PDB file of N, CA and C in Angstrom:
ATOM      1  N   MET A   1      21.062 -16.177 -15.530  1.00  0.00           N
ATOM      2  CA  MET A   1      20.436 -17.451 -14.841  1.00  0.00           C
ATOM      3  C   MET A   1      19.734 -18.343 -15.803  1.00  0.00           C
ATOM      4  N   GLY A   2      19.714 -19.502 -15.665  1.00  0.00           N
ATOM      5  CA  GLY A   2      19.261 -20.466 -16.613  1.00  0.00           C
ATOM      6  C   GLY A   2      17.733 -20.632 -16.490  1.00  0.00           C
ATOM      7  N   PRO A   3      17.144 -21.414 -17.397  1.00  0.00           N
ATOM      8  CA  PRO A   3      15.852 -21.666 -17.343  1.00  0.00           C
ATOM      9  C   PRO A   3      15.358 -22.605 -16.325  1.00  0.00           C
ATOM     10  N   GLU A   4      15.304 -22.098 -15.013  1.00  0.00           N
ATOM     11  CA  GLU A   4      14.854 -22.917 -13.907  1.00  0.00           C
ATOM     12  C   GLU A   4      13.742 -22.299 -13.192  1.00  0.00           C
ATOM     13  N   GLU A   5      13.243 -22.625 -12.176  1.00  0.00           N
ATOM     14  CA  GLU A   5      12.294 -22.111 -11.365  1.00  0.00           C
ATOM     15  C   GLU A   5      12.993 -21.225 -10.175  1.00  0.00           C
ATOM     16  N   TYR A   6      12.494 -20.014 -10.177  1.00  0.00           N
ATOM     17  CA  TYR A   6      13.136 -19.073  -8.956  1.00  0.00           C
ATOM     18  C   TYR A   6      12.007 -18.639  -8.104  1.00  0.00           C
ATOM     19  N   VAL A   7      12.405 -18.243  -6.970  1.00  0.00           N
ATOM     20  CA  VAL A   7      11.404 -17.691  -5.901  1.00  0.00           C
ATOM     21  C   VAL A   7      12.042 -16.350  -5.414  1.00  0.00           C
ATOM     22  N   ALA A   8      11.255 -15.414  -5.412  1.00  0.00           N
ATOM     23  CA  ALA A   8      11.732 -14.092  -4.763  1.00  0.00           C
ATOM     24  C   ALA A   8      10.750 -13.647  -3.694  1.00  0.00           C
ATOM     25  N   GLU A   9      11.253 -13.179  -2.530  1.00  0.00           N
ATOM     26  CA  GLU A   9      10.436 -12.779  -1.427  1.00  0.00           C
ATOM     27  C   GLU A   9      10.448 -11.291  -1.363  1.00  0.00           C
ATOM     28  N   TRP A  10       9.373 -10.596  -0.874  1.00  0.00           N
ATOM     29  CA  TRP A  10       9.280  -9.260  -0.865  1.00  0.00           C
ATOM     30  C   TRP A  10       8.452  -8.856   0.417  1.00  0.00           C
ATOM     31  N   ASP A  11       9.143  -7.929   1.109  1.00  0.00           N
ATOM     32  CA  ASP A  11       8.328  -7.479   2.293  1.00  0.00           C
ATOM     33  C   ASP A  11       7.554  -6.216   2.194  1.00  0.00           C
ATOM     34  N   ARG A  12       7.191  -5.961   1.028  1.00  0.00           N
ATOM     35  CA  ARG A  12       6.199  -4.670   0.876  1.00  0.00           C
ATOM     36  C   ARG A  12       7.001  -3.369   0.988  1.00  0.00           C
ATOM     37  N   ARG A  13       8.250  -3.300   0.976  1.00  0.00           N
ATOM     38  CA  ARG A  13       8.951  -2.213   1.156  1.00  0.00           C
ATOM     39  C   ARG A  13       9.575  -1.707  -0.096  1.00  0.00           C
ATOM     40  N   VAL A  14       9.553  -0.310  -0.272  1.00  0.00           N
ATOM     41  CA  VAL A  14       9.956   0.268  -1.481  1.00  0.00           C
ATOM     42  C   VAL A  14      11.182   1.198  -1.190  1.00  0.00           C
ATOM     43  N   VAL A  15      11.435   2.167  -1.976  1.00  0.00           N
ATOM     44  CA  VAL A  15      12.476   3.178  -1.837  1.00  0.00           C
ATOM     45  C   VAL A  15      12.444   3.630  -0.396  1.00  0.00           C
ATOM     46  N   ARG A  16      13.429   3.926   0.190  1.00  0.00           N
ATOM     47  CA  ARG A  16      13.707   4.511   1.607  1.00  0.00           C
ATOM     48  C   ARG A  16      12.854   3.663   2.654  1.00  0.00           C
ATOM     49  N   GLY A  17      12.618   2.463   2.317  1.00  0.00           N
ATOM     50  CA  GLY A  17      12.004   1.434   3.395  1.00  0.00           C
ATOM     51  C   GLY A  17      10.640   1.669   3.694  1.00  0.00           C
ATOM     52  N   ARG A  18       9.870   2.512   2.839  1.00  0.00           N
ATOM     53  CA  ARG A  18       8.314   2.672   3.107  1.00  0.00           C
ATOM     54  C   ARG A  18       7.641   1.432   2.606  1.00  0.00           C
ATOM     55  N   LEU A  19       6.653   1.116   3.567  1.00  0.00           N
ATOM     56  CA  LEU A  19       5.758  -0.144   3.324  1.00  0.00           C
ATOM     57  C   LEU A  19       4.690   0.601   2.276  1.00  0.00           C
ATOM     58  N   LEU A  20       4.415  -0.178   1.313  1.00  0.00           N
ATOM     59  CA  LEU A  20       3.329  -0.060   0.235  1.00  0.00           C
ATOM     60  C   LEU A  20       1.900  -0.254   0.966  1.00  0.00           C
ATOM     61  N   PRO A  21       1.016   0.659   0.847  1.00  0.00           N
ATOM     62  CA  PRO A  21      -0.447   0.361   1.346  1.00  0.00           C
ATOM     63  C   PRO A  21      -1.003  -0.739   0.760  1.00  0.00           C
ATOM     64  N   SER A  22      -2.140  -1.404   1.268  1.00  0.00           N
ATOM     65  CA  SER A  22      -3.093  -2.294   0.700  1.00  0.00           C
ATOM     66  C   SER A  22      -3.526  -1.866  -0.683  1.00  0.00           C
ATOM     67  N   GLY A  23      -3.703  -2.610  -1.728  1.00  0.00           N
ATOM     68  CA  GLY A  23      -4.436  -2.076  -2.846  1.00  0.00           C
ATOM     69  C   GLY A  23      -4.135  -2.890  -4.095  1.00  0.00           C
ATOM     70  N   VAL A  24      -4.469  -2.762  -5.167  1.00  0.00           N
ATOM     71  CA  VAL A  24      -4.213  -3.415  -6.362  1.00  0.00           C
ATOM     72  C   VAL A  24      -2.871  -2.902  -7.122  1.00  0.00           C
ATOM     73  N   TYR A  25      -1.985  -3.783  -7.497  1.00  0.00           N
ATOM     74  CA  TYR A  25      -0.723  -3.410  -8.087  1.00  0.00           C
ATOM     75  C   TYR A  25      -0.632  -4.276  -9.302  1.00  0.00           C
ATOM     76  N   PHE A  26       0.280  -3.872 -10.188  1.00  0.00           N
ATOM     77  CA  PHE A  26       0.599  -4.632 -11.368  1.00  0.00           C
ATOM     78  C   PHE A  26       1.982  -5.010 -11.264  1.00  0.00           C
ATOM     79  N   LEU A  27       2.402  -6.377 -11.435  1.00  0.00           N
ATOM     80  CA  LEU A  27       3.759  -6.902 -11.413  1.00  0.00           C
ATOM     81  C   LEU A  27       4.077  -7.073 -12.882  1.00  0.00           C
ATOM     82  N   ARG A  28       5.378  -6.652 -13.352  1.00  0.00           N
ATOM     83  CA  ARG A  28       5.850  -6.875 -14.765  1.00  0.00           C
ATOM     84  C   ARG A  28       7.122  -7.630 -14.652  1.00  0.00           C
ATOM     85  N   LEU A  29       7.054  -8.785 -15.339  1.00  0.00           N
ATOM     86  CA  LEU A  29       8.405  -9.591 -15.543  1.00  0.00           C
ATOM     87  C   LEU A  29       8.962  -9.502 -17.035  1.00  0.00           C
ATOM     88  N   GLU A  30      10.056  -9.108 -17.023  1.00  0.00           N
ATOM     89  CA  GLU A  30      10.752  -9.135 -18.392  1.00  0.00           C
ATOM     90  C   GLU A  30      11.928  -9.938 -18.399  1.00  0.00           C
ATOM     91  N   ALA A  31      12.184 -10.829 -19.364  1.00  0.00           N
ATOM     92  CA  ALA A  31      13.251 -11.712 -19.398  1.00  0.00           C
ATOM     93  C   ALA A  31      13.509 -12.039 -20.854  1.00  0.00           C
ATOM     94  N   GLY A  32      14.596 -11.354 -21.311  1.00  0.00           N
ATOM     95  CA  GLY A  32      14.862 -11.558 -22.849  1.00  0.00           C
ATOM     96  C   GLY A  32      13.537 -11.039 -23.718  1.00  0.00           C
ATOM     97  N   GLU A  33      13.147 -11.830 -24.462  1.00  0.00           N
ATOM     98  CA  GLU A  33      11.916 -11.499 -25.329  1.00  0.00           C
ATOM     99  C   GLU A  33      10.603 -11.656 -24.567  1.00  0.00           C
ATOM    100  N   PHE A  34      10.682 -12.453 -23.607  1.00  0.00           N
ATOM    101  CA  PHE A  34       9.529 -12.570 -22.603  1.00  0.00           C
ATOM    102  C   PHE A  34       9.034 -11.417 -21.679  1.00  0.00           C
ATOM    103  N   ARG A  35       7.693 -11.234 -21.849  1.00  0.00           N
ATOM    104  CA  ARG A  35       7.311 -10.136 -21.030  1.00  0.00           C
ATOM    105  C   ARG A  35       5.821 -10.650 -20.614  1.00  0.00           C
ATOM    106  N   GLU A  36       5.550 -10.448 -19.264  1.00  0.00           N
ATOM    107  CA  GLU A  36       4.261 -10.720 -18.574  1.00  0.00           C
ATOM    108  C   GLU A  36       3.901  -9.879 -17.511  1.00  0.00           C
ATOM    109  N   THR A  37       2.597  -9.405 -17.526  1.00  0.00           N
ATOM    110  CA  THR A  37       2.084  -8.672 -16.728  1.00  0.00           C
ATOM    111  C   THR A  37       0.946  -9.298 -15.757  1.00  0.00           C
ATOM    112  N   ARG A  38       0.989  -9.220 -14.369  1.00  0.00           N
ATOM    113  CA  ARG A  38       0.017  -9.961 -13.541  1.00  0.00           C
ATOM    114  C   ARG A  38      -0.526  -8.875 -12.617  1.00  0.00           C
ATOM    115  N   LYS A  39      -1.782  -8.879 -12.165  1.00  0.00           N
ATOM    116  CA  LYS A  39      -2.447  -8.186 -11.305  1.00  0.00           C
ATOM    117  C   LYS A  39      -2.154  -8.767  -9.890  1.00  0.00           C
ATOM    118  N   LEU A  40      -1.860  -7.958  -8.917  1.00  0.00           N
ATOM    119  CA  LEU A  40      -1.738  -8.436  -7.547  1.00  0.00           C
ATOM    120  C   LEU A  40      -2.574  -7.759  -6.667  1.00  0.00           C
ATOM    121  N   LEU A  41      -3.127  -8.389  -5.665  1.00  0.00           N
ATOM    122  CA  LEU A  41      -3.973  -7.652  -4.474  1.00  0.00           C
ATOM    123  C   LEU A  41      -2.989  -7.793  -3.347  1.00  0.00           C
ATOM    124  N   LEU A  42      -2.665  -6.632  -2.870  1.00  0.00           N
ATOM    125  CA  LEU A  42      -1.675  -6.584  -1.636  1.00  0.00           C
ATOM    126  C   LEU A  42      -2.764  -6.068  -0.436  1.00  0.00           C
ATOM    127  N   LEU A  43      -2.739  -6.963   0.571  1.00  0.00           N
ATOM    128  CA  LEU A  43      -3.563  -6.969   1.723  1.00  0.00           C
ATOM    129  C   LEU A  43      -2.604  -6.607   2.831  1.00  0.00           C
ATOM    130  N   GLY A  44      -2.825  -5.553   3.627  1.00  0.00           N
ATOM    131  CA  GLY A  44      -1.980  -5.274   4.873  1.00  0.00           C
ATOM    132  C   GLY A  44      -2.130  -6.143   5.976  1.00  0.00           C
ATOM    133  N   ARG A  45      -1.035  -6.192   6.697  1.00  0.00           N
ATOM    134  CA  ARG A  45      -0.993  -7.145   7.972  1.00  0.00           C
ATOM    135  C   ARG A  45      -1.633  -6.520   9.223  1.00  0.00           C
TER     136      ARG A  45
END
């Protein structure tokens, strides 16, 4: 993919369709030499 802006949606499901509980998670993005980690606060519905 080229250097554009992309959007990804996630429904809180992980392996085997289980929903993640509310809590603090870390998101890590790696693309070539670029690496960034962000903290996420996930609140249940």
